[in-house]
Each structure stands twice: as C-alpha cells, then as structure tokens.
PDB file of N, CA and C in Angstrom:
ATOM      1  N   MET A   1      12.566  12.365  -0.469  1.00  0.00           N
ATOM      2  CA  MET A   1      12.400  10.941  -0.633  1.00  0.00           C
ATOM      3  C   MET A   1      12.903  10.211   0.611  1.00  0.00           C
ATOM      4  N   VAL A   2      14.016  10.686   1.163  1.00  0.00           N
ATOM      5  CA  VAL A   2      14.542  10.059   2.373  1.00  0.00           C
ATOM      6  C   VAL A   2      13.534  10.209   3.515  1.00  0.00           C
ATOM      7  N   LEU A   3      12.892  11.361   3.605  1.00  0.00           N
ATOM      8  CA  LEU A   3      11.874  11.567   4.641  1.00  0.00           C
ATOM      9  C   LEU A   3      10.696  10.614   4.440  1.00  0.00           C
ATOM     10  N   ALA A   4      10.249  10.465   3.190  1.00  0.00           N
ATOM     11  CA  ALA A   4       9.135   9.552   2.904  1.00  0.00           C
ATOM     12  C   ALA A   4       9.502   8.116   3.251  1.00  0.00           C
ATOM     13  N   PHE A   5      10.730   7.699   2.909  1.00  0.00           N
ATOM     14  CA  PHE A   5      11.169   6.348   3.258  1.00  0.00           C
ATOM     15  C   PHE A   5      11.205   6.164   4.769  1.00  0.00           C
ATOM     16  N   SER A   6      11.689   7.168   5.475  1.00  0.00           N
ATOM     17  CA  SER A   6      11.773   7.084   6.938  1.00  0.00           C
ATOM     18  C   SER A   6      10.394   6.956   7.563  1.00  0.00           C
ATOM     19  N   VAL A   7       9.453   7.752   7.088  1.00  0.00           N
ATOM     20  CA  VAL A   7       8.082   7.672   7.605  1.00  0.00           C
ATOM     21  C   VAL A   7       7.484   6.306   7.287  1.00  0.00           C
ATOM     22  N   SER A   8       7.723   5.808   6.087  1.00  0.00           N
ATOM     23  CA  SER A   8       7.199   4.515   5.674  1.00  0.00           C
ATOM     24  C   SER A   8       7.748   3.382   6.554  1.00  0.00           C
ATOM     25  N   PHE A   9       9.070   3.371   6.742  1.00  0.00           N
ATOM     26  CA  PHE A   9       9.663   2.332   7.588  1.00  0.00           C
ATOM     27  C   PHE A   9       9.231   2.488   9.042  1.00  0.00           C
ATOM     28  N   GLY A  10       9.046   3.723   9.484  1.00  0.00           N
ATOM     29  CA  GLY A  10       8.542   3.952  10.837  1.00  0.00           C
ATOM     30  C   GLY A  10       7.150   3.372  11.020  1.00  0.00           C
ATOM     31  N   GLY A  11       6.307   3.554  10.002  1.00  0.00           N
ATOM     32  CA  GLY A  11       4.966   2.971  10.055  1.00  0.00           C
ATOM     33  C   GLY A  11       5.012   1.456  10.068  1.00  0.00           C
ATOM     34  N   LEU A  12       5.916   0.874   9.286  1.00  0.00           N
ATOM     35  CA  LEU A  12       6.077  -0.584   9.297  1.00  0.00           C
ATOM     36  C   LEU A  12       6.545  -1.054  10.674  1.00  0.00           C
ATOM     37  N   ASP A  13       7.460  -0.319  11.280  1.00  0.00           N
ATOM     38  CA  ASP A  13       7.944  -0.672  12.616  1.00  0.00           C
ATOM     39  C   ASP A  13       6.805  -0.669  13.635  1.00  0.00           C
ATOM     40  N   ILE A  14       5.954   0.328  13.566  1.00  0.00           N
ATOM     41  CA  ILE A  14       4.807   0.398  14.484  1.00  0.00           C
ATOM     42  C   ILE A  14       3.851  -0.761  14.225  1.00  0.00           C
ATOM     43  N   ALA A  15       3.590  -1.069  12.954  1.00  0.00           N
ATOM     44  CA  ALA A  15       2.684  -2.170  12.613  1.00  0.00           C
ATOM     45  C   ALA A  15       3.221  -3.500  13.114  1.00  0.00           C
ATOM     46  N   LEU A  16       4.538  -3.683  13.056  1.00  0.00           N
ATOM     47  CA  LEU A  16       5.134  -4.954  13.481  1.00  0.00           C
ATOM     48  C   LEU A  16       4.993  -5.200  14.982  1.00  0.00           C
ATOM     49  N   ARG A  17       4.673  -4.177  15.728  1.00  0.00           N
ATOM     50  CA  ARG A  17       4.471  -4.352  17.178  1.00  0.00           C
ATOM     51  C   ARG A  17       3.187  -5.097  17.491  1.00  0.00           C
ATOM     52  N   THR A  18       2.213  -5.040  16.574  1.00  0.00           N
ATOM     53  CA  THR A  18       0.925  -5.688  16.854  1.00  0.00           C
ATOM     54  C   THR A  18       0.517  -6.727  15.808  1.00  0.00           C
ATOM     55  N   LEU A  19       1.092  -6.677  14.630  1.00  0.00           N
ATOM     56  CA  LEU A  19       0.711  -7.602  13.556  1.00  0.00           C
ATOM     57  C   LEU A  19       1.823  -8.614  13.308  1.00  0.00           C
ATOM     58  N   PRO A  20       1.460  -9.796  12.834  1.00  0.00           N
ATOM     59  CA  PRO A  20       2.497 -10.740  12.404  1.00  0.00           C
ATOM     60  C   PRO A  20       3.294 -10.144  11.245  1.00  0.00           C
ATOM     61  N   MET A  21       4.541 -10.535  11.128  1.00  0.00           N
ATOM     62  CA  MET A  21       5.435  -9.959  10.127  1.00  0.00           C
ATOM     63  C   MET A  21       4.896 -10.107   8.711  1.00  0.00           C
ATOM     64  N   GLY A  22       4.384 -11.265   8.352  1.00  0.00           N
ATOM     65  CA  GLY A  22       3.870 -11.482   7.004  1.00  0.00           C
ATOM     66  C   GLY A  22       2.706 -10.566   6.673  1.00  0.00           C
ATOM     67  N   THR A  23       1.796 -10.397   7.617  1.00  0.00           N
ATOM     68  CA  THR A  23       0.646  -9.518   7.405  1.00  0.00           C
ATOM     69  C   THR A  23       1.086  -8.067   7.310  1.00  0.00           C
ATOM     70  N   ALA A  24       1.947  -7.637   8.220  1.00  0.00           N
ATOM     71  CA  ALA A  24       2.417  -6.249   8.210  1.00  0.00           C
ATOM     72  C   ALA A  24       3.129  -5.934   6.899  1.00  0.00           C
ATOM     73  N   TYR A  25       3.961  -6.844   6.438  1.00  0.00           N
ATOM     74  CA  TYR A  25       4.690  -6.614   5.184  1.00  0.00           C
ATOM     75  C   TYR A  25       3.740  -6.588   3.997  1.00  0.00           C
ATOM     76  N   ALA A  26       2.748  -7.471   3.983  1.00  0.00           N
ATOM     77  CA  ALA A  26       1.776  -7.489   2.886  1.00  0.00           C
ATOM     78  C   ALA A  26       0.978  -6.184   2.849  1.00  0.00           C
ATOM     79  N   VAL A  27       0.574  -5.698   4.008  1.00  0.00           N
ATOM     80  CA  VAL A  27      -0.155  -4.429   4.072  1.00  0.00           C
ATOM     81  C   VAL A  27       0.745  -3.290   3.598  1.00  0.00           C
ATOM     82  N   TRP A  28       1.984  -3.281   4.056  1.00  0.00           N
ATOM     83  CA  TRP A  28       2.936  -2.231   3.702  1.00  0.00           C
ATOM     84  C   TRP A  28       3.191  -2.200   2.191  1.00  0.00           C
ATOM     85  N   THR A  29       3.416  -3.362   1.595  1.00  0.00           N
ATOM     86  CA  THR A  29       3.664  -3.396   0.151  1.00  0.00           C
ATOM     87  C   THR A  29       2.402  -3.105  -0.652  1.00  0.00           C
ATOM     88  N   GLY A  30       1.254  -3.543  -0.152  1.00  0.00           N
ATOM     89  CA  GLY A  30      -0.008  -3.259  -0.842  1.00  0.00           C
ATOM     90  C   GLY A  30      -0.290  -1.768  -0.894  1.00  0.00           C
ATOM     91  N   ILE A  31      -0.092  -1.093   0.217  1.00  0.00           N
ATOM     92  CA  ILE A  31      -0.292   0.350   0.250  1.00  0.00           C
ATOM     93  C   ILE A  31       0.718   1.043  -0.664  1.00  0.00           C
ATOM     94  N   GLY A  32       1.954   0.561  -0.658  1.00  0.00           N
ATOM     95  CA  GLY A  32       2.974   1.144  -1.528  1.00  0.00           C
ATOM     96  C   GLY A  32       2.666   0.951  -2.998  1.00  0.00           C
ATOM     97  N   ALA A  33       2.216  -0.238  -3.361  1.00  0.00           N
ATOM     98  CA  ALA A  33       1.881  -0.511  -4.772  1.00  0.00           C
ATOM     99  C   ALA A  33       0.703   0.347  -5.222  1.00  0.00           C
ATOM    100  N   ALA A  34      -0.339   0.394  -4.411  1.00  0.00           N
ATOM    101  CA  ALA A  34      -1.509   1.209  -4.758  1.00  0.00           C
ATOM    102  C   ALA A  34      -1.131   2.686  -4.813  1.00  0.00           C
ATOM    103  N   GLY A  35      -0.326   3.127  -3.874  1.00  0.00           N
ATOM    104  CA  GLY A  35       0.115   4.522  -3.870  1.00  0.00           C
ATOM    105  C   GLY A  35       0.953   4.863  -5.084  1.00  0.00           C
ATOM    106  N   GLY A  36       1.791   3.937  -5.510  1.00  0.00           N
ATOM    107  CA  GLY A  36       2.604   4.164  -6.702  1.00  0.00           C
ATOM    108  C   GLY A  36       1.761   4.311  -7.953  1.00  0.00           C
ATOM    109  N   VAL A  37       0.776   3.454  -8.095  1.00  0.00           N
ATOM    110  CA  VAL A  37      -0.104   3.520  -9.270  1.00  0.00           C
ATOM    111  C   VAL A  37      -0.913   4.815  -9.255  1.00  0.00           C
ATOM    112  N   LEU A  38      -1.490   5.141  -8.111  1.00  0.00           N
ATOM    113  CA  LEU A  38      -2.306   6.357  -8.019  1.00  0.00           C
ATOM    114  C   LEU A  38      -1.467   7.619  -8.203  1.00  0.00           C
ATOM    115  N   SER A  39      -0.252   7.636  -7.665  1.00  0.00           N
ATOM    116  CA  SER A  39       0.640   8.784  -7.862  1.00  0.00           C
ATOM    117  C   SER A  39       0.989   8.951  -9.329  1.00  0.00           C
ATOM    118  N   GLY A  40       1.246   7.853 -10.002  1.00  0.00           N
ATOM    119  CA  GLY A  40       1.531   7.916 -11.432  1.00  0.00           C
ATOM    120  C   GLY A  40       0.373   8.494 -12.216  1.00  0.00           C
ATOM    121  N   MET A  41      -0.831   8.096 -11.845  1.00  0.00           N
ATOM    122  CA  MET A  41      -2.015   8.608 -12.536  1.00  0.00           C
ATOM    123  C   MET A  41      -2.243  10.095 -12.242  1.00  0.00           C
ATOM    124  N   LEU A  42      -2.061  10.491 -10.989  1.00  0.00           N
ATOM    125  CA  LEU A  42      -2.370  11.862 -10.596  1.00  0.00           C
ATOM    126  C   LEU A  42      -1.287  12.866 -10.971  1.00  0.00           C
ATOM    127  N   PHE A  43      -0.030  12.475 -10.859  1.00  0.00           N
ATOM    128  CA  PHE A  43       1.052  13.445 -10.994  1.00  0.00           C
ATOM    129  C   PHE A  43       1.948  13.260 -12.217  1.00  0.00           C
ATOM    130  N   PHE A  44       1.924  12.089 -12.846  1.00  0.00           N
ATOM    131  CA  PHE A  44       2.864  11.829 -13.924  1.00  0.00           C
ATOM    132  C   PHE A  44       2.210  11.470 -15.248  1.00  0.00           C
ATOM    133  N   GLY A  45       0.932  11.737 -15.352  1.00  0.00           N
ATOM    134  CA  GLY A  45       0.254  11.597 -16.631  1.00  0.00           C
ATOM    135  C   GLY A  45       0.022  10.180 -17.127  1.00  0.00           C
ATOM    136  N   GLU A  46       0.070   9.196 -16.241  1.00  0.00           N
ATOM    137  CA  GLU A  46      -0.227   7.830 -16.681  1.00  0.00           C
ATOM    138  C   GLU A  46      -1.720   7.697 -16.975  1.00  0.00           C
ATOM    139  N   ALA A  47      -2.054   6.740 -17.807  1.00  0.00           N
ATOM    140  CA  ALA A  47      -3.444   6.545 -18.224  1.00  0.00           C
ATOM    141  C   ALA A  47      -4.343   6.237 -17.026  1.00  0.00           C
ATOM    142  N   HIS A  48      -5.539   6.826 -17.065  1.00  0.00           N
ATOM    143  CA  HIS A  48      -6.551   6.565 -16.037  1.00  0.00           C
ATOM    144  C   HIS A  48      -7.460   5.442 -16.522  1.00  0.00           C
ATOM    145  N   ASP A  49      -6.918   4.274 -16.632  1.00  0.00           N
ATOM    146  CA  ASP A  49      -7.640   3.120 -17.161  1.00  0.00           C
ATOM    147  C   ASP A  49      -8.492   2.501 -16.047  1.00  0.00           C
ATOM    148  N   TRP A  50      -9.728   2.152 -16.377  1.00  0.00           N
ATOM    149  CA  TRP A  50     -10.612   1.575 -15.373  1.00  0.00           C
ATOM    150  C   TRP A  50     -10.073   0.252 -14.849  1.00  0.00           C
ATOM    151  N   ARG A  51      -9.303  -0.473 -15.680  1.00  0.00           N
ATOM    152  CA  ARG A  51      -8.740  -1.750 -15.237  1.00  0.00           C
ATOM    153  C   ARG A  51      -7.683  -1.538 -14.157  1.00  0.00           C
ATOM    154  N   LYS A  52      -6.877  -0.490 -14.308  1.00  0.00           N
ATOM    155  CA  LYS A  52      -5.901  -0.170 -13.266  1.00  0.00           C
ATOM    156  C   LYS A  52      -6.613   0.144 -11.955  1.00  0.00           C
ATOM    157  N   LEU A  53      -7.657   0.956 -12.044  1.00  0.00           N
ATOM    158  CA  LEU A  53      -8.406   1.311 -10.836  1.00  0.00           C
ATOM    159  C   LEU A  53      -9.053   0.083 -10.205  1.00  0.00           C
ATOM    160  N   LEU A  54      -9.536  -0.838 -11.032  1.00  0.00           N
ATOM    161  CA  LEU A  54     -10.117  -2.075 -10.516  1.00  0.00           C
ATOM    162  C   LEU A  54      -9.083  -2.861  -9.715  1.00  0.00           C
ATOM    163  N   TRP A  55      -7.883  -3.037 -10.264  1.00  0.00           N
ATOM    164  CA  TRP A  55      -6.864  -3.838  -9.591  1.00  0.00           C
ATOM    165  C   TRP A  55      -6.291  -3.126  -8.365  1.00  0.00           C
ATOM    166  N   VAL A  56      -6.225  -1.805  -8.409  1.00  0.00           N
ATOM    167  CA  VAL A  56      -5.826  -1.067  -7.200  1.00  0.00           C
ATOM    168  C   VAL A  56      -6.869  -1.284  -6.111  1.00  0.00           C
ATOM    169  N   THR A  57      -8.135  -1.275  -6.487  1.00  0.00           N
ATOM    170  CA  THR A  57      -9.205  -1.538  -5.524  1.00  0.00           C
ATOM    171  C   THR A  57      -9.085  -2.946  -4.953  1.00  0.00           C
ATOM    172  N   VAL A  58      -8.779  -3.918  -5.783  1.00  0.00           N
ATOM    173  CA  VAL A  58      -8.586  -5.295  -5.306  1.00  0.00           C
ATOM    174  C   VAL A  58      -7.428  -5.353  -4.312  1.00  0.00           C
ATOM    175  N   ILE A  59      -6.324  -4.674  -4.620  1.00  0.00           N
ATOM    176  CA  ILE A  59      -5.174  -4.648  -3.701  1.00  0.00           C
ATOM    177  C   ILE A  59      -5.582  -4.049  -2.363  1.00  0.00           C
ATOM    178  N   LEU A  60      -6.297  -2.934  -2.399  1.00  0.00           N
ATOM    179  CA  LEU A  60      -6.699  -2.276  -1.151  1.00  0.00           C
ATOM    180  C   LEU A  60      -7.689  -3.123  -0.352  1.00  0.00           C
ATOM    181  N   VAL A  61      -8.630  -3.759  -1.028  1.00  0.00           N
ATOM    182  CA  VAL A  61      -9.593  -4.627  -0.327  1.00  0.00           C
ATOM    183  C   VAL A  61      -8.871  -5.811   0.293  1.00  0.00           C
ATOM    184  N   ALA A  62      -7.932  -6.414  -0.437  1.00  0.00           N
ATOM    185  CA  ALA A  62      -7.171  -7.544   0.106  1.00  0.00           C
ATOM    186  C   ALA A  62      -6.322  -7.100   1.286  1.00  0.00           C
ATOM    187  N   THR A  63      -5.738  -5.918   1.201  1.00  0.00           N
ATOM    188  CA  THR A  63      -4.936  -5.385   2.300  1.00  0.00           C
ATOM    189  C   THR A  63      -5.794  -5.180   3.543  1.00  0.00           C
ATOM    190  N   ILE A  64      -6.959  -4.609   3.371  1.00  0.00           N
ATOM    191  CA  ILE A  64      -7.876  -4.415   4.499  1.00  0.00           C
ATOM    192  C   ILE A  64      -8.293  -5.771   5.064  1.00  0.00           C
ATOM    193  N   GLY A  65      -8.567  -6.743   4.189  1.00  0.00           N
ATOM    194  CA  GLY A  65      -8.948  -8.079   4.646  1.00  0.00           C
ATOM    195  C   GLY A  65      -7.845  -8.739   5.470  1.00  0.00           C
ATOM    196  N   LEU A  66      -6.594  -8.589   5.029  1.00  0.00           N
ATOM    197  CA  LEU A  66      -5.475  -9.148   5.804  1.00  0.00           C
ATOM    198  C   LEU A  66      -5.387  -8.504   7.184  1.00  0.00           C
ATOM    199  N   LYS A  67      -5.556  -7.208   7.219  1.00  0.00           N
ATOM    200  CA  LYS A  67      -5.490  -6.495   8.494  1.00  0.00           C
ATOM    201  C   LYS A  67      -6.608  -6.942   9.429  1.00  0.00           C
ATOM    202  N   LEU A  68      -7.802  -7.098   8.888  1.00  0.00           N
ATOM    203  CA  LEU A  68      -8.941  -7.470   9.729  1.00  0.00           C
ATOM    204  C   LEU A  68      -8.849  -8.915  10.244  1.00  0.00           C
ATOM    205  N   THR A  69      -8.174  -9.778   9.521  1.00  0.00           N
ATOM    206  CA  THR A  69      -8.084 -11.169   9.949  1.00  0.00           C
ATOM    207  C   THR A  69      -6.821 -11.483  10.737  1.00  0.00           C
ATOM    208  N   ALA A  70      -5.941 -10.519  10.888  1.00  0.00           N
ATOM    209  CA  ALA A  70      -4.678 -10.754  11.625  1.00  0.00           C
ATOM    210  C   ALA A  70      -4.886 -10.704  13.119  1.00  0.00           C
TER     211      ALA A  70
END
C-alpha cells in the first residue's frame, strides 16, 4: 500500500509540472475514485450494477475532459 501511495503521489507530482493544481487534483481524485469502485467490483465481490458503471464512466469522461481543456 505504501508503494501504491508513493507511485500515486509521484504521478500527481509529475502532473503538477504541466497542469494547473485544480485540474491535476481533479484528475487524480477521479482516477482514484473510479479505480476504487472498479477494484471493489473485480476483487471484493461488490455488485456489478450498471448504474455504478455508468457513473464511473461519467467520472472518467469528465476527467478526460478536464485534462483536454487544461
């Protein structure tokens, strides 16, 4: 877990070199939220509800949109 946190913060540090702080943080949290939901579904037996997948898709599309407009 410490390694995953280190890699995650390292990626945020790299993103902050080229993106505004608000955009970089939004992308970082969006990826984390989507990853948490998908990990729960794949590895921890959480329900594979189409509504969850819809909202994860919305998060990812919004994250990509923020990156493209920054």
